[in-house]
C-alpha atoms as a PDB file:
ATOM      1  CA  MET A   1      64.229  13.989  44.365  1.00  0.00           C
ATOM      2  CA  GLY A   2      61.364  14.382  42.082  1.00  0.00           C
ATOM      3  CA  PRO A   3      61.281  14.099  38.312  1.00  0.00           C
ATOM      4  CA  THR A   4      63.412  16.497  36.253  1.00  0.00           C
ATOM      5  CA  TYR A   5      61.632  18.053  33.236  1.00  0.00           C
ATOM      6  CA  HIS A   6      62.882  19.812  30.069  1.00  0.00           C
ATOM      7  CA  ARG A   7      61.249  21.792  27.264  1.00  0.00           C
ATOM      8  CA  ASN A   8      61.097  20.470  23.660  1.00  0.00           C
ATOM      9  CA  ARG A   9      64.335  20.120  21.880  1.00  0.00           C
ATOM     10  CA  ILE A  10      63.070  20.800  18.382  1.00  0.00           C
ATOM     11  CA  ILE A  11      65.393  21.238  15.431  1.00  0.00           C
ATOM     12  CA  THR A  12      64.116  23.493  12.626  1.00  0.00           C
ATOM     13  CA  LEU A  13      65.878  23.266   9.289  1.00  0.00           C
ATOM     14  CA  SER A  14      65.362  24.362   5.619  1.00  0.00           C
ATOM     15  CA  VAL A  15      65.191  21.614   3.085  1.00  0.00           C
ATOM     16  CA  VAL A  16      65.027  21.568  -0.748  1.00  0.00           C
ATOM     17  CA  GLY A  17      62.190  23.739  -2.126  1.00  0.00           C
ATOM     18  CA  GLY A  18      62.181  26.043   0.895  1.00  0.00           C
ATOM     19  CA  VAL A  19      60.121  23.599   2.997  1.00  0.00           C
ATOM     20  CA  ILE A  20      60.630  24.159   6.797  1.00  0.00           C
ATOM     21  CA  VAL A  21      60.447  21.033   8.922  1.00  0.00           C
ATOM     22  CA  THR A  22      60.598  20.367  12.659  1.00  0.00           C
ATOM     23  CA  LEU A  23      61.272  16.983  13.910  1.00  0.00           C
ATOM     24  CA  LEU A  24      60.875  15.633  17.421  1.00  0.00           C
ATOM     25  CA  GLY A  25      60.581  12.380  19.394  1.00  0.00           C
ATOM     26  CA  LEU A  26      57.103  11.357  20.310  1.00  0.00           C
ATOM     27  CA  PHE A  27      58.027  11.771  23.945  1.00  0.00           C
ATOM     28  CA  LEU A  28      58.529  15.532  23.684  1.00  0.00           C
ATOM     29  CA  SER A  29      56.780  18.580  25.369  1.00  0.00           C
ATOM     30  CA  GLY A  30      57.508  18.667  29.060  1.00  0.00           C
ATOM     31  CA  THR A  31      58.865  15.054  29.340  1.00  0.00           C
ATOM     32  CA  LEU A  32      61.467  13.519  31.525  1.00  0.00           C
ATOM     33  CA  ALA A  33      65.101  14.059  31.166  1.00  0.00           C
ATOM     34  CA  VAL A  34      66.670  10.579  31.133  1.00  0.00           C
ATOM     35  CA  LYS A  35      70.437  11.045  31.426  1.00  0.00           C
ATOM     36  CA  ALA A  36      72.186   8.119  33.064  1.00  0.00           C
ATOM     37  CA  ALA A  37      75.854   7.142  33.551  1.00  0.00           C
ATOM     38  CA  LYS A  38      77.313   5.305  30.622  1.00  0.00           C
ATOM     39  CA  THR A  39      77.394   1.551  31.065  1.00  0.00           C
ATOM     40  CA  SER A  40      78.872  -1.405  29.119  1.00  0.00           C
ATOM     41  CA  ALA A  41      77.027  -2.026  25.911  1.00  0.00           C
ATOM     42  CA  MET A  42      74.585  -4.788  26.780  1.00  0.00           C
ATOM     43  CA  SER A  43      71.549  -5.274  24.555  1.00  0.00           C
ATOM     44  CA  SER A  44      69.774  -7.805  26.822  1.00  0.00           C
ATOM     45  CA  LYS A  45      68.660  -7.852  30.424  1.00  0.00           C
ATOM     46  CA  LYS A  46      67.028 -10.389  32.687  1.00  0.00           C
ATOM     47  CA  TYR A  47      65.239  -9.315  35.686  1.00  0.00           C
ATOM     48  CA  SER A  48      65.603 -11.498  38.820  1.00  0.00           C
ATOM     49  CA  ASP A  49      62.776 -12.741  40.997  1.00  0.00           C
ATOM     50  CA  GLN A  50      63.547 -10.128  43.573  1.00  0.00           C
ATOM     51  CA  GLU A  51      63.409  -7.419  40.867  1.00  0.00           C
ATOM     52  CA  ILE A  52      60.085  -8.709  39.743  1.00  0.00           C
ATOM     53  CA  GLU A  53      58.707  -8.686  43.291  1.00  0.00           C
ATOM     54  CA  ASP A  54      60.018  -5.127  43.680  1.00  0.00           C
ATOM     55  CA  ASN A  55      58.354  -4.120  40.341  1.00  0.00           C
ATOM     56  CA  ASN A  56      54.983  -5.376  41.541  1.00  0.00           C
ATOM     57  CA  ARG A  57      55.217  -3.601  44.946  1.00  0.00           C
ATOM     58  CA  PHE A  58      56.332  -0.428  43.229  1.00  0.00           C
ATOM     59  CA  TRP A  59      53.374  -0.299  40.944  1.00  0.00           C
ATOM     60  CA  ASP A  60      50.884  -1.304  43.610  1.00  0.00           C
ATOM     61  CA  ASP A  61      50.983   2.374  44.409  1.00  0.00           C
ATOM     62  CA  GLU A  62      48.559   3.375  41.713  1.00  0.00           C
ATOM     63  CA  GLY A  63      49.334   7.052  42.185  1.00  0.00           C
ATOM     64  CA  ARG A  64      52.628   6.350  40.332  1.00  0.00           C
ATOM     65  CA  LEU A  65      50.641   5.491  37.147  1.00  0.00           C
ATOM     66  CA  GLY A  66      49.294   8.979  37.033  1.00  0.00           C
ATOM     67  CA  GLU A  67      52.742  10.474  37.439  1.00  0.00           C
ATOM     68  CA  ALA A  68      54.241   8.767  34.417  1.00  0.00           C
ATOM     69  CA  LYS A  69      55.490  10.921  31.612  1.00  0.00           C
ATOM     70  CA  PRO A  70      56.369  10.007  27.950  1.00  0.00           C
ATOM     71  CA  VAL A  71      60.027   9.419  27.217  1.00  0.00           C
ATOM     72  CA  GLY A  72      62.061   8.904  24.164  1.00  0.00           C
ATOM     73  CA  PRO A  73      64.942   9.970  21.697  1.00  0.00           C
ATOM     74  CA  GLN A  74      65.642  13.537  20.832  1.00  0.00           C
ATOM     75  CA  GLY A  75      65.088  15.382  17.590  1.00  0.00           C
ATOM     76  CA  VAL A  76      66.733  14.324  14.297  1.00  0.00           C
ATOM     77  CA  GLU A  77      67.980  16.120  11.198  1.00  0.00           C
ATOM     78  CA  ALA A  78      65.719  17.051   8.267  1.00  0.00           C
ATOM     79  CA  PRO A  79      65.517  14.486   5.295  1.00  0.00           C
ATOM     80  CA  SER A  80      67.929  15.333   2.512  1.00  0.00           C
ATOM     81  CA  ASN A  81      65.702  13.813  -0.156  1.00  0.00           C
ATOM     82  CA  PRO A  82      65.103  16.517  -2.828  1.00  0.00           C
ATOM     83  CA  ASN A  83      61.714  15.039  -3.506  1.00  0.00           C
ATOM     84  CA  PHE A  84      60.777  15.408   0.189  1.00  0.00           C
ATOM     85  CA  ARG A  85      56.994  15.278   0.430  1.00  0.00           C
ATOM     86  CA  PRO A  86      55.469  14.488   3.891  1.00  0.00           C
ATOM     87  CA  PRO A  87      52.360  12.346   4.247  1.00  0.00           C
ATOM     88  CA  ARG A  88      49.250  14.271   4.823  1.00  0.00           C
ATOM     89  CA  THR A  89      47.881  14.981   8.410  1.00  0.00           C
ATOM     90  CA  VAL A  90      45.576  12.257   9.764  1.00  0.00           C
ATOM     91  CA  ASP A  91      43.631  13.051  12.881  1.00  0.00           C
ATOM     92  CA  ALA A  92      43.886  10.385  15.611  1.00  0.00           C
ATOM     93  CA  GLU A  93      40.529   8.854  16.530  1.00  0.00           C
ATOM     94  CA  GLY A  94      39.651   7.306  19.961  1.00  0.00           C
ATOM     95  CA  VAL A  95      39.076   3.624  20.401  1.00  0.00           C
ATOM     96  CA  SER A  96      36.096   3.165  22.760  1.00  0.00           C
ATOM     97  CA  ALA A  97      36.823   1.568  26.151  1.00  0.00           C
ATOM     98  CA  PRO A  98      36.559  -0.848  27.799  1.00  0.00           C
ATOM     99  CA  TYR A  99      38.666  -2.994  25.470  1.00  0.00           C
ATOM    100  CA  ASP A 100      37.765  -6.475  24.568  1.00  0.00           C
ATOM    101  CA  GLN A 101      40.299  -9.322  24.224  1.00  0.00           C
ATOM    102  CA  GLU A 102      40.873  -8.415  20.467  1.00  0.00           C
ATOM    103  CA  THR A 103      41.727  -4.831  21.278  1.00  0.00           C
ATOM    104  CA  ALA A 104      43.447  -5.482  24.596  1.00  0.00           C
ATOM    105  CA  ILE A 105      46.657  -6.795  22.833  1.00  0.00           C
ATOM    106  CA  ARG A 106      47.440  -3.046  22.821  1.00  0.00           C
ATOM    107  CA  GLY A 107      48.400  -1.624  26.114  1.00  0.00           C
ATOM    108  CA  LYS A 108      50.492   0.791  28.082  1.00  0.00           C
ATOM    109  CA  ILE A 109      54.069   0.240  29.344  1.00  0.00           C
ATOM    110  CA  PHE A 110      55.095   1.810  32.593  1.00  0.00           C
ATOM    111  CA  PHE A 111      58.749   2.035  33.754  1.00  0.00           C
ATOM    112  CA  GLU A 112      61.203   3.896  35.936  1.00  0.00           C
ATOM    113  CA  VAL A 113      63.857   6.192  34.505  1.00  0.00           C
ATOM    114  CA  PRO A 114      66.454   8.386  36.184  1.00  0.00           C
ATOM    115  CA  GLY A 115      64.409  11.174  37.683  1.00  0.00           C
ATOM    116  CA  GLY A 116      60.900   9.687  37.733  1.00  0.00           C
ATOM    117  CA  VAL A 117      58.469   7.312  36.096  1.00  0.00           C
ATOM    118  CA  ALA A 118      57.518   7.116  32.410  1.00  0.00           C
ATOM    119  CA  GLU A 119      55.088   5.568  30.004  1.00  0.00           C
ATOM    120  CA  CYS A 120      54.944   4.223  26.404  1.00  0.00           C
ATOM    121  CA  SER A 121      52.657   1.859  24.380  1.00  0.00           C
ATOM    122  CA  GLY A 122      53.193  -1.674  23.262  1.00  0.00           C
ATOM    123  CA  THR A 123      51.536  -4.713  21.579  1.00  0.00           C
ATOM    124  CA  VAL A 124      51.260  -8.398  22.521  1.00  0.00           C
ATOM    125  CA  VAL A 125      52.860 -10.358  19.707  1.00  0.00           C
ATOM    126  CA  SER A 126      52.819 -14.048  18.909  1.00  0.00           C
ATOM    127  CA  HIS A 127      55.806 -15.952  20.263  1.00  0.00           C
ATOM    128  CA  PRO A 128      56.541 -19.434  21.507  1.00  0.00           C
ATOM    129  CA  THR A 129      56.631 -18.243  25.004  1.00  0.00           C
ATOM    130  CA  GLY A 130      53.242 -16.659  24.785  1.00  0.00           C
ATOM    131  CA  ASN A 131      54.523 -13.688  26.750  1.00  0.00           C
ATOM    132  CA  MET A 132      56.086 -11.228  24.317  1.00  0.00           C
ATOM    133  CA  VAL A 133      55.355  -7.431  24.113  1.00  0.00           C
ATOM    134  CA  TRP A 134      56.744  -5.429  21.202  1.00  0.00           C
ATOM    135  CA  THR A 135      57.516  -1.734  21.555  1.00  0.00           C
ATOM    136  CA  ALA A 136      60.134   1.015  20.718  1.00  0.00           C
ATOM    137  CA  ALA A 137      63.755   0.599  21.966  1.00  0.00           C
ATOM    138  CA  HIS A 138      63.587   4.179  23.458  1.00  0.00           C
ATOM    139  CA  CYS A 139      60.905   2.840  25.833  1.00  0.00           C
ATOM    140  CA  LEU A 140      63.285   0.312  27.225  1.00  0.00           C
ATOM    141  CA  HIS A 141      66.840   1.626  27.098  1.00  0.00           C
ATOM    142  CA  GLY A 142      68.610   4.961  27.285  1.00  0.00           C
ATOM    143  CA  GLY A 143      70.997   4.338  24.382  1.00  0.00           C
ATOM    144  CA  GLN A 144      74.838   4.763  24.401  1.00  0.00           C
ATOM    145  CA  SER A 145      74.773   7.089  27.414  1.00  0.00           C
ATOM    146  CA  GLY A 146      72.273   5.064  29.442  1.00  0.00           C
ATOM    147  CA  ASP A 147      71.110   1.693  30.501  1.00  0.00           C
ATOM    148  CA  PHE A 148      67.957  -0.505  30.606  1.00  0.00           C
ATOM    149  CA  TYR A 149      65.113   1.183  32.484  1.00  0.00           C
ATOM    150  CA  LYS A 150      63.877  -0.273  35.737  1.00  0.00           C
ATOM    151  CA  ARG A 151      60.495  -1.708  36.835  1.00  0.00           C
ATOM    152  CA  VAL A 152      59.150  -2.165  33.402  1.00  0.00           C
ATOM    153  CA  THR A 153      55.572  -3.435  33.449  1.00  0.00           C
ATOM    154  CA  PHE A 154      52.684  -3.974  30.895  1.00  0.00           C
ATOM    155  CA  ILE A 155      49.064  -3.275  31.292  1.00  0.00           C
ATOM    156  CA  PRO A 156      47.116  -4.856  28.397  1.00  0.00           C
ATOM    157  CA  GLY A 157      43.859  -3.048  27.494  1.00  0.00           C
ATOM    158  CA  TYR A 158      44.723  -0.209  29.854  1.00  0.00           C
ATOM    159  CA  ASN A 159      41.564   1.984  30.514  1.00  0.00           C
ATOM    160  CA  GLY A 160      42.565   5.185  32.293  1.00  0.00           C
ATOM    161  CA  ALA A 161      38.924   6.218  32.621  1.00  0.00           C
ATOM    162  CA  GLY A 162      38.065   3.188  34.796  1.00  0.00           C
ATOM    163  CA  ARG A 163      36.962   3.891  38.293  1.00  0.00           C
ATOM    164  CA  THR A 164      38.571   0.950  40.006  1.00  0.00           C
ATOM    165  CA  SER A 165      41.928  -0.807  39.759  1.00  0.00           C
ATOM    166  CA  ALA A 166      40.210  -3.707  38.061  1.00  0.00           C
ATOM    167  CA  ASP A 167      38.572  -1.311  35.524  1.00  0.00           C
ATOM    168  CA  LYS A 168      41.836   0.334  34.671  1.00  0.00           C
ATOM    169  CA  ALA A 169      43.765  -2.893  34.300  1.00  0.00           C
ATOM    170  CA  PRO A 170      41.146  -5.573  33.471  1.00  0.00           C
ATOM    171  CA  TYR A 171      43.823  -8.099  32.493  1.00  0.00           C
ATOM    172  CA  GLY A 172      46.218  -7.425  35.261  1.00  0.00           C
ATOM    173  CA  ARG A 173      49.813  -5.958  35.377  1.00  0.00           C
ATOM    174  CA  TRP A 174      52.585  -7.983  33.776  1.00  0.00           C
ATOM    175  CA  PRO A 175      56.193  -7.347  34.905  1.00  0.00           C
ATOM    176  CA  ALA A 176      58.985  -7.768  32.446  1.00  0.00           C
ATOM    177  CA  ARG A 177      61.261 -10.799  32.975  1.00  0.00           C
ATOM    178  CA  GLN A 178      63.635 -10.375  29.977  1.00  0.00           C
ATOM    179  CA  VAL A 179      64.197  -7.233  27.792  1.00  0.00           C
ATOM    180  CA  GLU A 180      65.951  -6.982  24.373  1.00  0.00           C
ATOM    181  CA  VAL A 181      66.961  -4.053  22.184  1.00  0.00           C
ATOM    182  CA  SER A 182      69.342  -4.102  19.217  1.00  0.00           C
ATOM    183  CA  ASP A 183      73.045  -3.789  19.375  1.00  0.00           C
ATOM    184  CA  GLN A 184      72.826  -0.782  17.067  1.00  0.00           C
ATOM    185  CA  TRP A 185      70.564   0.974  19.588  1.00  0.00           C
ATOM    186  CA  VAL A 186      72.834   0.425  22.505  1.00  0.00           C
ATOM    187  CA  GLU A 187      75.972   1.468  20.602  1.00  0.00           C
ATOM    188  CA  ASP A 188      74.625   4.490  18.617  1.00  0.00           C
ATOM    189  CA  ALA A 189      71.384   5.957  20.147  1.00  0.00           C
ATOM    190  CA  ASP A 190      72.072   9.405  21.650  1.00  0.00           C
ATOM    191  CA  PRO A 191      68.998  10.842  23.420  1.00  0.00           C
ATOM    192  CA  GLU A 192      70.617  14.338  23.451  1.00  0.00           C
ATOM    193  CA  ARG A 193      71.564  14.580  19.815  1.00  0.00           C
ATOM    194  CA  ASP A 194      70.616  13.447  16.328  1.00  0.00           C
ATOM    195  CA  SER A 195      70.773   9.704  16.227  1.00  0.00           C
ATOM    196  CA  THR A 196      71.616   7.238  13.397  1.00  0.00           C
ATOM    197  CA  ALA A 197      70.033   4.561  15.657  1.00  0.00           C
ATOM    198  CA  SER A 198      66.539   5.665  14.880  1.00  0.00           C
ATOM    199  CA  PRO A 199      66.052   3.030  12.213  1.00  0.00           C
ATOM    200  CA  PHE A 200      66.628   0.443  14.993  1.00  0.00           C
ATOM    201  CA  ASP A 201      64.036   1.948  17.422  1.00  0.00           C
ATOM    202  CA  PHE A 202      62.355  -1.325  18.189  1.00  0.00           C
ATOM    203  CA  GLY A 203      62.565  -3.687  21.161  1.00  0.00           C
ATOM    204  CA  ALA A 204      60.718  -6.423  22.943  1.00  0.00           C
ATOM    205  CA  PHE A 205      60.356  -8.035  26.367  1.00  0.00           C
ATOM    206  CA  ILE A 206      58.975 -11.200  27.873  1.00  0.00           C
ATOM    207  CA  VAL A 207      56.576 -10.762  30.737  1.00  0.00           C
ATOM    208  CA  GLN A 208      56.331 -12.877  33.926  1.00  0.00           C
ATOM    209  CA  PRO A 209      52.673 -14.002  34.293  1.00  0.00           C
ATOM    210  CA  PRO A 210      51.143 -12.769  37.649  1.00  0.00           C
ATOM    211  CA  PRO A 211      50.221 -15.451  40.229  1.00  0.00           C
ATOM    212  CA  GLY A 212      47.272 -17.539  39.026  1.00  0.00           C
ATOM    213  CA  ARG A 213      47.471 -16.214  35.416  1.00  0.00           C
ATOM    214  CA  GLN A 214      48.087 -18.140  32.275  1.00  0.00           C
ATOM    215  CA  SER A 215      50.467 -16.824  29.649  1.00  0.00           C
ATOM    216  CA  LEU A 216      49.673 -13.357  28.228  1.00  0.00           C
ATOM    217  CA  GLU A 217      48.422 -14.763  24.931  1.00  0.00           C
ATOM    218  CA  GLU A 218      46.241 -17.362  26.711  1.00  0.00           C
ATOM    219  CA  GLU A 219      44.923 -14.667  28.984  1.00  0.00           C
ATOM    220  CA  LEU A 220      43.852 -12.433  26.133  1.00  0.00           C
ATOM    221  CA  GLY A 221      43.029 -15.227  23.666  1.00  0.00           C
ATOM    222  CA  ASN A 222      44.723 -13.104  21.043  1.00  0.00           C
ATOM    223  CA  SER A 223      48.119 -11.742  19.874  1.00  0.00           C
ATOM    224  CA  ALA A 224      49.539  -9.950  16.707  1.00  0.00           C
ATOM    225  CA  GLU A 225      51.884 -11.800  14.250  1.00  0.00           C
ATOM    226  CA  ILE A 226      54.827  -9.786  13.096  1.00  0.00           C
ATOM    227  CA  LEU A 227      55.631  -9.704   9.374  1.00  0.00           C
ATOM    228  CA  PHE A 228      59.365  -9.134   9.035  1.00  0.00           C
ATOM    229  CA  ASN A 229      60.581  -7.693   5.731  1.00  0.00           C
ATOM    230  CA  ALA A 230      57.044  -6.739   4.832  1.00  0.00           C
ATOM    231  CA  PRO A 231      56.261  -4.875   1.631  1.00  0.00           C
ATOM    232  CA  ARG A 232      56.774  -1.150   1.754  1.00  0.00           C
ATOM    233  CA  ASN A 233      54.256   1.612   0.983  1.00  0.00           C
ATOM    234  CA  LEU A 234      51.356  -0.082   2.779  1.00  0.00           C
ATOM    235  CA  THR A 235      48.281   1.455   4.303  1.00  0.00           C
ATOM    236  CA  VAL A 236      48.603   1.075   8.050  1.00  0.00           C
ATOM    237  CA  ASP A 237      46.601   1.539  11.302  1.00  0.00           C
ATOM    238  CA  SER A 238      48.792   2.670  14.136  1.00  0.00           C
ATOM    239  CA  PHE A 239      47.666   2.422  17.814  1.00  0.00           C
ATOM    240  CA  GLY A 240      48.928   4.112  20.874  1.00  0.00           C
ATOM    241  CA  TYR A 241      48.214   5.902  24.186  1.00  0.00           C
ATOM    242  CA  PRO A 242      49.205   9.598  23.482  1.00  0.00           C
ATOM    243  CA  GLY A 243      49.726  11.511  26.648  1.00  0.00           C
ATOM    244  CA  GLU A 244      50.733  15.052  25.563  1.00  0.00           C
ATOM    245  CA  GLU A 245      48.245  17.711  24.717  1.00  0.00           C
ATOM    246  CA  PRO A 246      45.522  17.539  23.499  1.00  0.00           C
ATOM    247  CA  PHE A 247      45.505  13.945  24.871  1.00  0.00           C
ATOM    248  CA  ASP A 248      45.885  12.669  28.455  1.00  0.00           C
ATOM    249  CA  GLY A 249      47.234   9.052  28.113  1.00  0.00           C
ATOM    250  CA  SER A 250      44.057   7.542  29.412  1.00  0.00           C
ATOM    251  CA  GLU A 251      42.609   6.294  26.105  1.00  0.00           C
ATOM    252  CA  LEU A 252      43.751   4.210  23.048  1.00  0.00           C
ATOM    253  CA  PHE A 253      43.867   6.133  19.748  1.00  0.00           C
ATOM    254  CA  THR A 254      44.454   5.069  16.170  1.00  0.00           C
ATOM    255  CA  CYS A 255      45.437   6.598  12.848  1.00  0.00           C
ATOM    256  CA  HIS A 256      44.773   5.212   9.328  1.00  0.00           C
ATOM    257  CA  SER A 257      47.315   6.364   6.646  1.00  0.00           C
ATOM    258  CA  PRO A 258      49.271   5.199   3.704  1.00  0.00           C
ATOM    259  CA  THR A 259      53.131   4.986   4.270  1.00  0.00           C
ATOM    260  CA  THR A 260      56.094   6.354   2.415  1.00  0.00           C
ATOM    261  CA  ASP A 261      59.841   6.122   3.064  1.00  0.00           C
ATOM    262  CA  PHE A 262      61.715   8.274   5.585  1.00  0.00           C
ATOM    263  CA  ARG A 263      65.448   8.682   4.947  1.00  0.00           C
ATOM    264  CA  ASN A 264      68.032  10.873   6.582  1.00  0.00           C
ATOM    265  CA  THR A 265      71.660  11.683   5.631  1.00  0.00           C
ATOM    266  CA  GLY A 266      74.051   9.299   7.070  1.00  0.00           C
ATOM    267  CA  TRP A 267      71.350   6.855   8.475  1.00  0.00           C
ATOM    268  CA  PRO A 268      71.762   3.167   7.775  1.00  0.00           C
ATOM    269  CA  GLU A 269      69.348   1.143   5.749  1.00  0.00           C
ATOM    270  CA  PRO A 270      66.569   0.073   5.786  1.00  0.00           C
ATOM    271  CA  ALA A 271      64.721   3.441   5.587  1.00  0.00           C
ATOM    272  CA  MET A 272      62.103   4.041   8.065  1.00  0.00           C
ATOM    273  CA  LEU A 273      58.358   4.154   7.353  1.00  0.00           C
ATOM    274  CA  TRP A 274      56.448   7.400   7.422  1.00  0.00           C
ATOM    275  CA  MET A 275      52.716   8.086   7.976  1.00  0.00           C
ATOM    276  CA  GLY A 276      50.328  10.918   8.822  1.00  0.00           C
ATOM    277  CA  CYS A 277      49.106  11.050  12.427  1.00  0.00           C
ATOM    278  CA  THR A 278      48.411  13.639  15.175  1.00  0.00           C
ATOM    279  CA  MET A 279      49.264  11.290  18.073  1.00  0.00           C
ATOM    280  CA  THR A 280      51.631  12.695  20.630  1.00  0.00           C
ATOM    281  CA  GLY A 281      54.081  11.582  23.250  1.00  0.00           C
ATOM    282  CA  GLY A 282      53.093   8.347  25.030  1.00  0.00           C
ATOM    283  CA  SER A 283      52.130   6.608  21.856  1.00  0.00           C
ATOM    284  CA  SER A 284      55.734   5.702  21.293  1.00  0.00           C
ATOM    285  CA  GLY A 285      56.069   1.885  20.798  1.00  0.00           C
ATOM    286  CA  GLY A 286      52.497   1.401  19.705  1.00  0.00           C
ATOM    287  CA  GLY A 287      52.020  -1.038  16.814  1.00  0.00           C
ATOM    288  CA  TRP A 288      51.467  -0.390  13.146  1.00  0.00           C
ATOM    289  CA  PHE A 289      49.146  -2.912  11.468  1.00  0.00           C
ATOM    290  CA  ALA A 290      48.634  -3.671   7.745  1.00  0.00           C
ATOM    291  CA  GLU A 291      46.889  -6.267   5.700  1.00  0.00           C
ATOM    292  CA  VAL A 292      49.171  -8.324   3.429  1.00  0.00           C
ATOM    293  CA  GLU A 293      47.802 -10.981   1.191  1.00  0.00           C
ATOM    294  CA  GLY A 294      44.544 -11.047   3.153  1.00  0.00           C
ATOM    295  CA  LYS A 295      46.060 -11.317   6.638  1.00  0.00           C
ATOM    296  CA  ARG A 296      46.678  -8.675   9.240  1.00  0.00           C
ATOM    297  CA  TYR A 297      50.191  -8.174  10.641  1.00  0.00           C
ATOM    298  CA  LEU A 298      52.134  -5.933  12.852  1.00  0.00           C
ATOM    299  CA  VAL A 299      54.751  -4.174  10.544  1.00  0.00           C
ATOM    300  CA  SER A 300      56.250  -1.439  12.585  1.00  0.00           C
ATOM    301  CA  ASN A 301      55.938   0.614  15.813  1.00  0.00           C
ATOM    302  CA  ILE A 302      55.672   4.268  16.613  1.00  0.00           C
ATOM    303  CA  SER A 303      59.106   5.957  16.843  1.00  0.00           C
ATOM    304  CA  LEU A 304      59.482   9.696  16.011  1.00  0.00           C
ATOM    305  CA  GLY A 305      56.947  12.395  15.675  1.00  0.00           C
ATOM    306  CA  ILE A 306      57.590  14.853  12.724  1.00  0.00           C
ATOM    307  CA  THR A 307      55.810  18.277  12.316  1.00  0.00           C
ATOM    308  CA  THR A 308      56.353  19.927   9.050  1.00  0.00           C
ATOM    309  CA  SER A 309      54.954  23.276   7.774  1.00  0.00           C
ATOM    310  CA  THR A 310      52.070  21.356   6.189  1.00  0.00           C
ATOM    311  CA  ALA A 311      51.536  18.170   8.126  1.00  0.00           C
ATOM    312  CA  GLU A 312      51.724  16.249  11.405  1.00  0.00           C
ATOM    313  CA  THR A 313      53.399  12.860  10.905  1.00  0.00           C
ATOM    314  CA  MET A 314      55.382  10.048  12.549  1.00  0.00           C
ATOM    315  CA  THR A 315      57.870   7.451  11.675  1.00  0.00           C
ATOM    316  CA  GLY A 316      58.368   3.779  12.442  1.00  0.00           C
ATOM    317  CA  PRO A 317      61.280   1.409  11.921  1.00  0.00           C
ATOM    318  CA  TYR A 318      61.229  -1.054   9.176  1.00  0.00           C
ATOM    319  CA  LEU A 319      61.241  -4.466  10.790  1.00  0.00           C
ATOM    320  CA  GLY A 320      63.860  -6.238   8.713  1.00  0.00           C
ATOM    321  CA  ASN A 321      66.553  -8.791   9.506  1.00  0.00           C
ATOM    322  CA  VAL A 322      67.882  -7.051  12.580  1.00  0.00           C
ATOM    323  CA  ALA A 323      64.382  -7.000  14.117  1.00  0.00           C
ATOM    324  CA  ARG A 324      63.875 -10.737  13.223  1.00  0.00           C
ATOM    325  CA  SER A 325      67.155 -11.568  14.865  1.00  0.00           C
ATOM    326  CA  LEU A 326      66.138  -9.640  17.973  1.00  0.00           C
ATOM    327  CA  TYR A 327      62.785 -11.596  18.092  1.00  0.00           C
ATOM    328  CA  ASP A 328      64.646 -14.854  17.777  1.00  0.00           C
ATOM    329  CA  ARG A 329      66.990 -14.071  20.683  1.00  0.00           C
ATOM    330  CA  PHE A 330      64.227 -14.886  23.219  1.00  0.00           C
END
């Protein structure tokens, strides 16, 4: 059976001052429905050698890459902060391809979900294994009603405009060996309803180097260092591969914006980060970068897209102690 599609599930609410806001996951607008049978709450998965071989054979069919659709969590409630002021809209700008080793730490993640194949964005981050990719939890696991997604693979420096396989994946395809999301995501994330797990919408995976390849960091000669518990209210550059209109998922885009806090009634601390950006579904999981004390760090990842009456914006989780604990589990 082919993929199952659904229309946007957008929640429109009035907030203080008469502002009307609609909030949606960055996967929305004709994306895959990803319902799955409820499983035991496991926040870690290791893929066997057989599963990795199956992963490689599956994506050898390049037509599947073109079939992939963005996927993610559903809409959320409007902020209850009486001083609610969204960041201003920032138009996403394309990053020229092909991508050199510095830029190629950003790439696309492809994976199989119930009903079809899907895509997100991710970043190669510094880790003792040399093989870690950071992304959003909703790009790896279906939450409390789902399970880990299958056949997760990462293509650093993905160039959808390339003519050949080598052009599109100049650094190869890297299948996931081990995947981690937070316990809070597995227990509380509900893709069909508002979710208090959004502040924990981060995850990571370790890739298996393809035959003849070095580690991912050695292959690229570069990686991003994560700054956990970073200062808030930074100016950030976000990166991702948006795939919904007016974008097509073939090109890396970026937004440059100051951040503010995003809080929602009943959501746990820490508050999420909030920035202006017009990127759409498919950019989910892409890294947010900021300069702190003269050094550039990854400080968050793309989670939810938020459209208000005055601005197009998106949120990212604050990478605090829970995120650090997840990083250290590998």
